[in-house]
Structure formats: structure tokens, C-alpha cells
């Protein structure tokens, strides 16, 4: 299996982005997933002391670099190419600013429950798709950080590794697609499913 082979719901990489792999000895998807998982664990350790002011561009770029910086040259940088999902590259920064402003407004005005604010935050961040890769993973971590900042437990996310192709991942992607149409009910159910 080619390490860059993806399922229908993953973001394909351009040849230039594939060349951004720092560790040329990686030969298969399992090795890549293992290293990316280790990077995420390292980032979660960093988060133990760095998770207060999460709603800004600098924080999300730093977190992405902490997650994937040992593996990808482009970690922590916004994408510059079009994708099968997400806004145009020139819209990433303004759309993130609007998202962060919306979240702050929703929190201050109690527009939605805290859980729904975190779910909507996750969905919008996935929809913007600011990075070359790792958008779902960083969006889930950001939603969990927001929940922790509310003093609430992290989501279960179906109690499964959503980076791997599975029926649970398909259910998650379907819930995201329904949220694209304004129906957050399945995504809200999914985040706490076991």
C-alpha cells in the first residue's frame, strides 16, 4: 500500500506536499500513522501547560507544528493549494478570524450550550480546512480543548481512531456532511457515542 493512498473522505496530497515528508525511510501508511500518533501525543503533553488562549491563529499553527513538525516540512503552515474540501487558501485567515470571533460571541452570549459551541467549532474548523493534512485531528483536539476550558470532559469521538478507514469513520463523515447542511444533531450524538 502506498503511504499516500487515501480513502474517498481523506484529503489527497499534491506531489510537492508529499515531498514535504521529512522521514524518507517511511514506507507504508502504518509507519506514517504511528509517527503522526506519536507527534499528537507529544503535542498533548505540550498542551498540559499551554491551553488557555486557544482561539487565535498563532495557537492553532503552533499546535499543528507540535503535532506534525517532526514529520512534515509544511507543519504549522496554512495550505496554499486548493482542496476537495475547505475554503480557498486566501480565505483561510479571514475565515478563521470570523470563526474565533463567532466562538467568543457564542460563549459570551450563551447562544448555544457549551457542548454545541464546541461541536460547531469543530465542524467549522474542518470546513475551513486550514492545513495540508491533519485537519480532522486538530479540529477534534481544538474542540476538546474548548470543552476543557469550559470545565467539561473531552468528547469520546466514537471511542475510535478516526484517522483509520472504518464504519465509525464513515458515520463521523456522514455526521459532518449533515452539519454542512445545518443539521448538527448526528454530530452531537456522535461526539459522545461509545
N, C-alpha and C. Protein backbone atom coordinates (compact mmCIF):
# COMPACT_ATOMS: atom_id res chain seq x y z
N UNK A 1 0.84 -1.19 0.00
CA UNK A 1 0.00 0.00 0.00
C UNK A 1 0.89 1.25 0.00
N UNK A 2 0.61 2.16 -0.88
CA UNK A 2 1.29 3.44 -0.97
C UNK A 2 1.00 4.23 0.31
N UNK A 3 2.02 4.85 0.93
CA UNK A 3 1.78 5.58 2.19
C UNK A 3 0.86 6.78 1.98
N UNK A 4 0.72 7.23 0.75
CA UNK A 4 -0.13 8.39 0.49
C UNK A 4 -1.51 8.00 -0.03
N UNK A 5 -1.79 6.72 -0.11
CA UNK A 5 -3.10 6.26 -0.55
C UNK A 5 -4.13 6.67 0.49
N UNK A 6 -5.26 7.19 0.02
CA UNK A 6 -6.30 7.65 0.94
C UNK A 6 -7.64 7.05 0.55
N UNK A 7 -8.56 7.10 1.52
CA UNK A 7 -9.92 6.70 1.20
C UNK A 7 -10.63 7.90 0.58
N UNK A 8 -11.89 7.72 0.19
CA UNK A 8 -12.62 8.79 -0.50
C UNK A 8 -12.83 10.04 0.34
N UNK A 9 -12.72 9.94 1.67
CA UNK A 9 -13.01 11.08 2.54
C UNK A 9 -11.76 11.77 3.04
N UNK A 10 -10.59 11.34 2.64
CA UNK A 10 -9.35 11.97 3.06
C UNK A 10 -8.91 12.98 2.01
N UNK A 11 -8.11 13.94 2.46
CA UNK A 11 -7.61 14.96 1.56
C UNK A 11 -6.36 14.45 0.85
N UNK A 12 -6.38 14.36 -0.49
CA UNK A 12 -5.18 13.92 -1.21
C UNK A 12 -4.09 15.00 -1.16
N UNK A 13 -2.85 14.57 -1.18
CA UNK A 13 -1.71 15.49 -1.17
C UNK A 13 -1.20 15.70 -2.58
N UNK A 14 -0.71 16.92 -2.84
CA UNK A 14 -0.05 17.18 -4.12
C UNK A 14 1.35 16.54 -4.08
N UNK A 15 2.00 16.44 -5.23
CA UNK A 15 3.36 15.87 -5.26
C UNK A 15 4.32 16.72 -4.41
N UNK A 16 4.19 18.03 -4.48
CA UNK A 16 5.04 18.91 -3.69
C UNK A 16 4.82 18.69 -2.19
N UNK A 17 3.56 18.51 -1.79
CA UNK A 17 3.25 18.27 -0.38
C UNK A 17 3.80 16.92 0.07
N UNK A 18 3.74 15.92 -0.80
CA UNK A 18 4.31 14.60 -0.49
C UNK A 18 5.82 14.72 -0.28
N UNK A 19 6.45 15.60 -1.05
CA UNK A 19 7.90 15.81 -0.91
C UNK A 19 8.24 16.48 0.42
N UNK A 20 7.24 16.98 1.12
CA UNK A 20 7.45 17.60 2.42
C UNK A 20 7.67 16.60 3.54
N UNK A 21 7.63 15.32 3.22
CA UNK A 21 7.89 14.28 4.22
C UNK A 21 9.36 14.33 4.63
N UNK A 22 9.63 14.59 5.90
CA UNK A 22 11.00 14.70 6.38
C UNK A 22 11.67 13.33 6.52
N UNK A 23 10.90 12.32 6.83
CA UNK A 23 11.45 11.00 7.14
C UNK A 23 11.28 10.09 5.93
N UNK A 24 12.26 10.10 5.07
CA UNK A 24 12.16 9.37 3.80
C UNK A 24 12.17 7.86 3.97
N UNK A 25 12.52 7.36 5.14
CA UNK A 25 12.53 5.92 5.38
C UNK A 25 11.14 5.34 5.59
N UNK A 26 10.13 6.19 5.74
CA UNK A 26 8.76 5.69 5.91
C UNK A 26 8.32 5.03 4.61
N UNK A 27 7.86 3.80 4.71
CA UNK A 27 7.49 3.05 3.50
C UNK A 27 6.02 2.67 3.43
N UNK A 28 5.29 2.81 4.53
CA UNK A 28 3.87 2.41 4.47
C UNK A 28 3.02 3.28 5.38
N UNK A 29 1.71 3.21 5.20
CA UNK A 29 0.74 4.02 5.94
C UNK A 29 0.82 3.74 7.43
N UNK A 30 1.05 2.48 7.83
CA UNK A 30 1.11 2.14 9.25
C UNK A 30 2.26 2.88 9.94
N UNK A 31 3.43 2.95 9.29
CA UNK A 31 4.56 3.67 9.86
C UNK A 31 4.25 5.17 9.98
N UNK A 32 3.64 5.72 8.94
CA UNK A 32 3.27 7.14 8.96
C UNK A 32 2.26 7.41 10.08
N UNK A 33 1.23 6.56 10.18
CA UNK A 33 0.21 6.74 11.23
C UNK A 33 0.84 6.65 12.62
N UNK A 34 1.76 5.73 12.79
CA UNK A 34 2.42 5.56 14.10
C UNK A 34 3.19 6.82 14.48
N UNK A 35 3.94 7.37 13.53
CA UNK A 35 4.72 8.58 13.80
C UNK A 35 3.81 9.79 14.03
N UNK A 36 2.74 9.89 13.25
CA UNK A 36 1.80 11.00 13.45
C UNK A 36 1.12 10.87 14.81
N UNK A 37 0.79 9.66 15.22
CA UNK A 37 0.18 9.44 16.54
C UNK A 37 1.16 9.85 17.64
N UNK A 38 2.43 9.51 17.48
CA UNK A 38 3.43 9.92 18.46
C UNK A 38 3.52 11.44 18.52
N UNK A 39 3.48 12.10 17.37
CA UNK A 39 3.50 13.56 17.34
C UNK A 39 2.31 14.17 18.06
N UNK A 40 1.15 13.55 17.90
CA UNK A 40 -0.05 14.04 18.57
C UNK A 40 0.08 13.87 20.08
N UNK A 41 0.64 12.75 20.51
CA UNK A 41 0.86 12.53 21.94
C UNK A 41 1.83 13.57 22.49
N UNK A 42 2.90 13.85 21.75
CA UNK A 42 3.85 14.88 22.17
C UNK A 42 3.15 16.25 22.28
N UNK A 43 2.28 16.54 21.32
CA UNK A 43 1.54 17.81 21.36
C UNK A 43 0.60 17.85 22.56
N UNK A 44 -0.03 16.72 22.88
CA UNK A 44 -0.92 16.67 24.05
C UNK A 44 -0.15 16.90 25.34
N UNK A 45 1.09 16.43 25.40
CA UNK A 45 1.94 16.70 26.57
C UNK A 45 2.24 18.20 26.64
N UNK A 46 2.56 18.81 25.51
CA UNK A 46 2.79 20.26 25.45
C UNK A 46 1.55 21.02 25.90
N UNK A 47 0.38 20.50 25.54
CA UNK A 47 -0.88 21.16 25.89
C UNK A 47 -1.15 21.19 27.39
N UNK A 48 -0.53 20.31 28.14
CA UNK A 48 -0.77 20.28 29.59
C UNK A 48 -0.48 21.63 30.22
N UNK A 49 0.42 22.40 29.62
CA UNK A 49 0.74 23.72 30.17
C UNK A 49 0.49 24.86 29.18
N UNK A 50 -0.11 24.57 28.04
CA UNK A 50 -0.30 25.59 27.00
C UNK A 50 -1.68 25.50 26.36
N UNK A 51 -2.74 25.72 27.12
CA UNK A 51 -4.06 25.58 26.52
C UNK A 51 -5.07 26.63 26.98
N UNK A 52 -4.60 27.77 27.39
CA UNK A 52 -5.53 28.78 27.88
C UNK A 52 -6.17 29.57 26.74
N UNK A 53 -5.38 30.30 25.97
CA UNK A 53 -5.92 31.15 24.91
C UNK A 53 -5.80 30.42 23.57
N UNK A 54 -6.81 29.59 23.28
CA UNK A 54 -6.73 28.72 22.10
C UNK A 54 -7.38 29.32 20.86
N UNK A 55 -8.17 30.37 21.02
CA UNK A 55 -8.96 30.89 19.91
C UNK A 55 -8.22 31.97 19.13
N UNK A 56 -7.09 31.58 18.55
CA UNK A 56 -6.33 32.52 17.72
C UNK A 56 -5.45 31.75 16.74
N UNK A 57 -5.07 32.43 15.69
CA UNK A 57 -4.30 31.84 14.60
C UNK A 57 -2.94 31.32 15.07
N UNK A 58 -2.26 32.07 15.92
CA UNK A 58 -0.95 31.66 16.37
C UNK A 58 -1.02 30.33 17.13
N UNK A 59 -2.02 30.18 17.99
CA UNK A 59 -2.15 28.95 18.76
C UNK A 59 -2.37 27.74 17.85
N UNK A 60 -3.29 27.85 16.91
CA UNK A 60 -3.60 26.69 16.08
C UNK A 60 -2.42 26.32 15.18
N UNK A 61 -1.69 27.30 14.69
CA UNK A 61 -0.50 27.00 13.88
C UNK A 61 0.58 26.32 14.73
N UNK A 62 0.77 26.82 15.95
CA UNK A 62 1.76 26.22 16.85
C UNK A 62 1.36 24.80 17.20
N UNK A 63 0.09 24.57 17.49
CA UNK A 63 -0.38 23.23 17.82
C UNK A 63 -0.15 22.27 16.64
N UNK A 64 -0.48 22.70 15.44
CA UNK A 64 -0.28 21.85 14.26
C UNK A 64 1.20 21.51 14.10
N UNK A 65 2.07 22.48 14.32
CA UNK A 65 3.51 22.22 14.21
C UNK A 65 3.96 21.25 15.29
N UNK A 66 3.42 21.38 16.50
CA UNK A 66 3.76 20.44 17.58
C UNK A 66 3.30 19.03 17.23
N UNK A 67 2.16 18.91 16.56
CA UNK A 67 1.60 17.61 16.20
C UNK A 67 2.39 16.93 15.08
N UNK A 68 2.77 17.69 14.06
CA UNK A 68 3.30 17.09 12.84
C UNK A 68 4.67 17.61 12.40
N UNK A 69 5.28 18.50 13.18
CA UNK A 69 6.53 19.15 12.78
C UNK A 69 7.72 18.23 12.63
N UNK A 70 7.72 17.09 13.30
CA UNK A 70 8.83 16.14 13.15
C UNK A 70 8.69 15.28 11.90
N UNK A 71 7.54 15.38 11.24
CA UNK A 71 7.25 14.51 10.10
C UNK A 71 7.14 15.28 8.79
N UNK A 72 6.50 16.44 8.83
CA UNK A 72 6.19 17.21 7.61
C UNK A 72 6.84 18.59 7.64
N UNK A 73 7.47 18.99 6.55
CA UNK A 73 8.09 20.32 6.44
C UNK A 73 7.04 21.43 6.52
N UNK A 74 5.82 21.14 6.05
CA UNK A 74 4.78 22.18 5.99
C UNK A 74 3.92 22.22 7.25
N UNK A 75 4.28 21.48 8.28
CA UNK A 75 3.50 21.51 9.52
C UNK A 75 3.49 22.91 10.12
N UNK A 76 2.33 23.33 10.58
CA UNK A 76 2.19 24.64 11.20
C UNK A 76 2.00 25.78 10.21
N UNK A 77 1.92 25.45 8.93
CA UNK A 77 1.71 26.48 7.90
C UNK A 77 0.38 26.23 7.21
N UNK A 78 -0.34 27.30 6.93
CA UNK A 78 -1.60 27.15 6.22
C UNK A 78 -1.34 26.68 4.80
N UNK A 79 -2.26 25.90 4.30
CA UNK A 79 -2.11 25.37 2.93
C UNK A 79 -2.20 26.51 1.91
N UNK A 80 -1.57 26.27 0.78
CA UNK A 80 -1.56 27.27 -0.30
C UNK A 80 -2.18 26.71 -1.57
N UNK A 81 -2.74 25.52 -1.49
CA UNK A 81 -3.35 24.87 -2.65
C UNK A 81 -4.83 24.59 -2.39
N UNK A 82 -5.57 24.51 -3.47
CA UNK A 82 -7.00 24.17 -3.38
C UNK A 82 -7.14 22.72 -2.93
N UNK A 83 -8.29 22.39 -2.34
CA UNK A 83 -8.59 21.06 -1.84
C UNK A 83 -9.97 20.63 -2.30
N UNK A 84 -10.25 19.34 -2.10
CA UNK A 84 -11.59 18.82 -2.38
C UNK A 84 -12.56 19.25 -1.28
N UNK A 85 -12.05 19.84 -0.22
CA UNK A 85 -12.85 20.36 0.89
C UNK A 85 -12.13 21.61 1.38
N UNK A 86 -12.87 22.53 1.92
CA UNK A 86 -12.27 23.71 2.53
C UNK A 86 -12.38 24.94 1.66
N UNK A 87 -12.09 26.06 2.28
CA UNK A 87 -12.17 27.34 1.60
C UNK A 87 -10.93 27.53 0.72
N UNK A 88 -10.98 28.50 -0.16
CA UNK A 88 -9.81 28.84 -0.97
C UNK A 88 -8.68 29.28 -0.03
N UNK A 89 -7.44 29.01 -0.38
CA UNK A 89 -6.32 29.36 0.52
C UNK A 89 -6.32 30.81 1.00
N UNK A 90 -6.68 31.75 0.12
CA UNK A 90 -6.67 33.16 0.54
C UNK A 90 -7.77 33.48 1.56
N UNK A 91 -8.74 32.58 1.71
CA UNK A 91 -9.83 32.79 2.67
C UNK A 91 -9.55 32.19 4.04
N UNK A 92 -8.49 31.41 4.18
CA UNK A 92 -8.23 30.70 5.44
C UNK A 92 -8.11 31.68 6.61
N UNK A 93 -7.23 32.65 6.52
CA UNK A 93 -7.02 33.57 7.63
C UNK A 93 -8.26 34.38 7.97
N UNK A 94 -8.94 34.99 6.99
CA UNK A 94 -10.15 35.73 7.37
C UNK A 94 -11.26 34.84 7.92
N UNK A 95 -11.40 33.62 7.37
CA UNK A 95 -12.45 32.72 7.87
C UNK A 95 -12.14 32.24 9.28
N UNK A 96 -10.87 32.02 9.59
CA UNK A 96 -10.51 31.64 10.96
C UNK A 96 -10.81 32.78 11.92
N UNK A 97 -10.50 34.00 11.52
CA UNK A 97 -10.79 35.16 12.38
C UNK A 97 -12.28 35.24 12.67
N UNK A 98 -13.10 35.07 11.64
CA UNK A 98 -14.56 35.10 11.83
C UNK A 98 -14.98 33.96 12.76
N UNK A 99 -14.42 32.77 12.56
CA UNK A 99 -14.75 31.63 13.42
C UNK A 99 -14.40 31.92 14.87
N UNK A 100 -13.20 32.40 15.13
CA UNK A 100 -12.79 32.69 16.51
C UNK A 100 -13.69 33.78 17.11
N UNK A 101 -14.02 34.80 16.33
CA UNK A 101 -14.93 35.85 16.81
C UNK A 101 -16.31 35.28 17.11
N UNK A 102 -16.81 34.41 16.23
CA UNK A 102 -18.12 33.78 16.46
C UNK A 102 -18.12 32.97 17.75
N UNK A 103 -17.07 32.17 17.95
CA UNK A 103 -16.99 31.35 19.17
C UNK A 103 -17.00 32.24 20.40
N UNK A 104 -16.20 33.30 20.40
CA UNK A 104 -16.18 34.21 21.54
C UNK A 104 -17.55 34.85 21.77
N UNK A 105 -18.23 35.21 20.70
CA UNK A 105 -19.58 35.79 20.81
C UNK A 105 -20.55 34.77 21.39
N UNK A 106 -20.51 33.54 20.86
CA UNK A 106 -21.43 32.50 21.34
C UNK A 106 -21.21 32.20 22.82
N UNK A 107 -19.94 32.19 23.23
CA UNK A 107 -19.64 31.94 24.65
C UNK A 107 -20.17 33.09 25.50
N UNK A 108 -19.85 34.32 25.12
CA UNK A 108 -20.26 35.50 25.90
C UNK A 108 -21.77 35.63 26.00
N UNK A 109 -22.48 35.27 24.91
CA UNK A 109 -23.93 35.46 24.86
C UNK A 109 -24.73 34.18 25.09
N UNK A 110 -24.02 33.09 25.39
CA UNK A 110 -24.67 31.80 25.63
C UNK A 110 -25.65 31.45 24.51
N UNK A 111 -25.19 31.67 23.27
CA UNK A 111 -26.01 31.43 22.09
C UNK A 111 -26.43 29.98 21.98
N UNK A 112 -25.51 29.07 22.29
CA UNK A 112 -25.75 27.63 22.29
C UNK A 112 -25.22 27.07 23.59
N UNK A 113 -25.52 25.80 23.86
CA UNK A 113 -24.91 25.13 25.02
C UNK A 113 -23.41 25.05 24.77
N UNK A 114 -22.65 24.86 25.81
CA UNK A 114 -21.20 24.75 25.65
C UNK A 114 -20.83 23.58 24.75
N UNK A 115 -21.52 22.46 24.89
CA UNK A 115 -21.27 21.30 24.04
C UNK A 115 -21.52 21.64 22.58
N UNK A 116 -22.63 22.32 22.29
CA UNK A 116 -22.93 22.65 20.90
C UNK A 116 -21.94 23.66 20.34
N UNK A 117 -21.48 24.59 21.18
CA UNK A 117 -20.47 25.54 20.72
C UNK A 117 -19.21 24.77 20.28
N UNK A 118 -18.78 23.81 21.09
CA UNK A 118 -17.58 23.02 20.75
C UNK A 118 -17.80 22.19 19.49
N UNK A 119 -19.00 21.63 19.33
CA UNK A 119 -19.30 20.84 18.13
C UNK A 119 -19.30 21.74 16.89
N UNK A 120 -19.93 22.89 16.99
CA UNK A 120 -19.96 23.82 15.87
C UNK A 120 -18.55 24.33 15.54
N UNK A 121 -17.75 24.56 16.56
CA UNK A 121 -16.36 24.97 16.37
C UNK A 121 -15.60 23.89 15.58
N UNK A 122 -15.73 22.65 16.02
CA UNK A 122 -15.08 21.54 15.33
C UNK A 122 -15.51 21.49 13.86
N UNK A 123 -16.79 21.55 13.63
CA UNK A 123 -17.32 21.45 12.26
C UNK A 123 -16.80 22.58 11.38
N UNK A 124 -16.86 23.80 11.86
CA UNK A 124 -16.42 24.94 11.06
C UNK A 124 -14.92 24.88 10.78
N UNK A 125 -14.15 24.43 11.76
CA UNK A 125 -12.71 24.32 11.56
C UNK A 125 -12.40 23.26 10.49
N UNK A 126 -13.10 22.14 10.53
CA UNK A 126 -12.94 21.12 9.48
C UNK A 126 -13.32 21.71 8.13
N UNK A 127 -14.41 22.46 8.09
CA UNK A 127 -14.89 23.04 6.83
C UNK A 127 -13.90 24.05 6.25
N UNK A 128 -13.24 24.81 7.10
CA UNK A 128 -12.22 25.76 6.61
C UNK A 128 -11.01 24.98 6.08
N UNK A 129 -10.64 23.92 6.77
CA UNK A 129 -9.55 23.03 6.33
C UNK A 129 -8.25 23.83 6.13
N UNK A 130 -7.73 24.43 7.20
CA UNK A 130 -6.60 25.36 7.03
C UNK A 130 -5.27 24.73 6.66
N UNK A 131 -5.09 23.45 6.95
CA UNK A 131 -3.78 22.83 6.76
C UNK A 131 -3.79 21.82 5.62
N UNK A 132 -2.61 21.46 5.15
CA UNK A 132 -2.47 20.46 4.09
C UNK A 132 -3.10 19.15 4.54
N UNK A 133 -2.82 18.74 5.78
CA UNK A 133 -3.32 17.48 6.30
C UNK A 133 -3.45 17.59 7.82
N UNK A 134 -4.20 16.69 8.41
CA UNK A 134 -4.38 16.69 9.86
C UNK A 134 -5.50 17.59 10.34
N UNK A 135 -6.36 18.04 9.43
CA UNK A 135 -7.43 18.98 9.80
C UNK A 135 -8.46 18.37 10.74
N UNK A 136 -8.86 17.14 10.48
CA UNK A 136 -9.82 16.49 11.37
C UNK A 136 -9.24 16.29 12.75
N UNK A 137 -8.00 15.84 12.79
CA UNK A 137 -7.35 15.58 14.08
C UNK A 137 -7.18 16.86 14.88
N UNK A 138 -6.71 17.94 14.26
CA UNK A 138 -6.52 19.17 15.01
C UNK A 138 -7.86 19.78 15.40
N UNK A 139 -8.87 19.60 14.55
CA UNK A 139 -10.20 20.14 14.87
C UNK A 139 -10.81 19.41 16.07
N UNK A 140 -10.58 18.10 16.16
CA UNK A 140 -11.09 17.36 17.32
C UNK A 140 -10.36 17.78 18.59
N UNK A 141 -9.04 17.96 18.49
CA UNK A 141 -8.28 18.41 19.65
C UNK A 141 -8.72 19.80 20.08
N UNK A 142 -8.92 20.70 19.12
CA UNK A 142 -9.35 22.06 19.45
C UNK A 142 -10.73 22.06 20.13
N UNK A 143 -11.65 21.22 19.65
CA UNK A 143 -12.97 21.12 20.30
C UNK A 143 -12.82 20.59 21.71
N UNK A 144 -11.96 19.59 21.90
CA UNK A 144 -11.72 19.05 23.24
C UNK A 144 -11.10 20.09 24.16
N UNK A 145 -10.19 20.90 23.64
CA UNK A 145 -9.59 21.97 24.44
C UNK A 145 -10.64 22.98 24.87
N UNK A 146 -11.55 23.30 23.95
CA UNK A 146 -12.62 24.23 24.30
C UNK A 146 -13.49 23.64 25.41
N UNK A 147 -13.81 22.35 25.30
CA UNK A 147 -14.59 21.69 26.36
C UNK A 147 -13.84 21.75 27.69
N UNK A 148 -12.55 21.49 27.67
CA UNK A 148 -11.76 21.55 28.90
C UNK A 148 -11.73 22.97 29.46
N UNK A 149 -11.65 23.97 28.59
CA UNK A 149 -11.69 25.36 29.06
C UNK A 149 -13.04 25.70 29.68
N UNK A 150 -14.09 24.99 29.25
CA UNK A 150 -15.41 25.15 29.87
C UNK A 150 -15.49 24.40 31.21
N UNK A 151 -14.48 23.58 31.50
CA UNK A 151 -14.50 22.76 32.70
C UNK A 151 -15.27 21.46 32.50
N UNK A 152 -15.42 21.05 31.24
CA UNK A 152 -16.18 19.85 30.89
C UNK A 152 -15.23 18.78 30.33
N UNK A 153 -15.65 17.50 30.38
CA UNK A 153 -14.79 16.44 29.83
C UNK A 153 -14.70 16.50 28.31
N UNK A 154 -13.60 15.94 27.80
CA UNK A 154 -13.41 15.85 26.35
C UNK A 154 -14.46 14.91 25.76
N UNK A 155 -14.69 15.03 24.46
CA UNK A 155 -15.62 14.17 23.75
C UNK A 155 -15.00 12.78 23.55
N UNK A 156 -15.85 11.77 23.35
CA UNK A 156 -15.34 10.41 23.10
C UNK A 156 -15.00 10.18 21.63
N UNK A 157 -15.61 10.96 20.72
CA UNK A 157 -15.38 10.82 19.28
C UNK A 157 -15.60 9.39 18.81
N UNK A 158 -16.66 8.78 19.30
CA UNK A 158 -16.98 7.42 18.88
C UNK A 158 -16.04 6.39 19.47
N UNK A 159 -15.15 6.84 20.36
CA UNK A 159 -14.22 5.94 21.04
C UNK A 159 -13.38 5.14 20.05
N UNK A 160 -12.91 5.81 18.99
CA UNK A 160 -12.19 5.12 17.94
C UNK A 160 -11.20 6.07 17.28
N UNK A 161 -10.15 5.54 16.67
CA UNK A 161 -9.20 6.34 15.91
C UNK A 161 -9.84 6.71 14.57
N UNK A 162 -10.26 7.93 14.43
CA UNK A 162 -10.99 8.36 13.23
C UNK A 162 -10.08 8.60 12.03
N UNK A 163 -8.79 8.43 12.19
CA UNK A 163 -7.87 8.56 11.06
C UNK A 163 -7.87 7.30 10.20
N UNK A 164 -8.31 6.20 10.76
CA UNK A 164 -8.31 4.93 10.04
C UNK A 164 -9.66 4.70 9.36
N UNK A 165 -9.61 4.07 8.20
CA UNK A 165 -10.83 3.77 7.45
C UNK A 165 -11.64 2.73 8.23
N UNK A 166 -12.90 3.06 8.51
CA UNK A 166 -13.76 2.16 9.29
C UNK A 166 -15.21 2.60 9.13
N UNK A 167 -16.11 1.77 9.61
CA UNK A 167 -17.53 2.13 9.62
C UNK A 167 -17.77 3.32 10.55
N UNK A 168 -17.03 3.39 11.65
CA UNK A 168 -17.18 4.51 12.60
C UNK A 168 -16.76 5.81 11.91
N UNK A 169 -15.67 5.77 11.16
CA UNK A 169 -15.23 6.97 10.43
C UNK A 169 -16.28 7.38 9.41
N UNK A 170 -16.88 6.42 8.73
CA UNK A 170 -17.92 6.74 7.75
C UNK A 170 -19.10 7.43 8.44
N UNK A 171 -19.46 6.95 9.62
CA UNK A 171 -20.55 7.56 10.39
C UNK A 171 -20.19 9.01 10.78
N UNK A 172 -18.95 9.20 11.17
CA UNK A 172 -18.45 10.53 11.54
C UNK A 172 -18.49 11.47 10.33
N UNK A 173 -18.01 11.01 9.18
CA UNK A 173 -18.00 11.84 7.97
C UNK A 173 -19.44 12.18 7.55
N UNK A 174 -20.35 11.22 7.66
CA UNK A 174 -21.76 11.48 7.35
C UNK A 174 -22.33 12.55 8.28
N UNK A 175 -21.99 12.48 9.56
CA UNK A 175 -22.45 13.49 10.52
C UNK A 175 -21.90 14.86 10.16
N UNK A 176 -20.65 14.92 9.70
CA UNK A 176 -20.07 16.21 9.26
C UNK A 176 -20.81 16.74 8.04
N UNK A 177 -21.15 15.85 7.10
CA UNK A 177 -21.86 16.28 5.90
C UNK A 177 -23.26 16.80 6.22
N UNK A 178 -23.91 16.20 7.20
CA UNK A 178 -25.21 16.72 7.64
C UNK A 178 -25.04 18.09 8.29
N UNK A 179 -23.97 18.25 9.05
CA UNK A 179 -23.69 19.55 9.67
C UNK A 179 -23.43 20.61 8.61
N UNK A 180 -22.84 20.20 7.47
CA UNK A 180 -22.65 21.14 6.35
C UNK A 180 -23.98 21.74 5.92
N UNK A 181 -25.06 20.98 6.09
CA UNK A 181 -26.40 21.43 5.70
C UNK A 181 -27.15 22.08 6.87
N UNK A 182 -26.45 22.27 8.00
CA UNK A 182 -27.07 22.93 9.15
C UNK A 182 -27.68 21.99 10.17
N UNK A 183 -27.60 20.69 9.95
CA UNK A 183 -28.16 19.71 10.89
C UNK A 183 -27.02 19.14 11.74
N UNK A 184 -26.92 19.61 12.97
CA UNK A 184 -25.85 19.19 13.87
C UNK A 184 -26.25 18.01 14.75
N UNK A 185 -27.46 17.52 14.63
CA UNK A 185 -27.96 16.50 15.55
C UNK A 185 -27.13 15.22 15.54
N UNK A 186 -26.75 14.72 14.36
CA UNK A 186 -25.97 13.48 14.30
C UNK A 186 -24.55 13.69 14.81
N UNK A 187 -23.97 14.85 14.55
CA UNK A 187 -22.62 15.13 15.04
C UNK A 187 -22.63 15.24 16.57
N UNK A 188 -23.65 15.88 17.12
CA UNK A 188 -23.78 15.98 18.56
C UNK A 188 -23.94 14.59 19.18
N UNK A 189 -24.72 13.72 18.55
CA UNK A 189 -24.86 12.34 19.04
C UNK A 189 -23.53 11.61 18.94
N UNK A 190 -22.84 11.80 17.82
CA UNK A 190 -21.61 11.05 17.58
C UNK A 190 -20.52 11.38 18.58
N UNK A 191 -20.36 12.63 18.93
CA UNK A 191 -19.22 13.04 19.77
C UNK A 191 -19.23 12.38 21.14
N UNK A 192 -20.38 11.93 21.58
CA UNK A 192 -20.47 11.26 22.88
C UNK A 192 -20.75 9.77 22.76
N UNK A 193 -20.76 9.22 21.53
CA UNK A 193 -21.07 7.81 21.37
C UNK A 193 -19.89 6.96 21.80
N UNK A 194 -20.20 5.74 22.21
CA UNK A 194 -19.14 4.83 22.68
C UNK A 194 -19.06 3.63 21.78
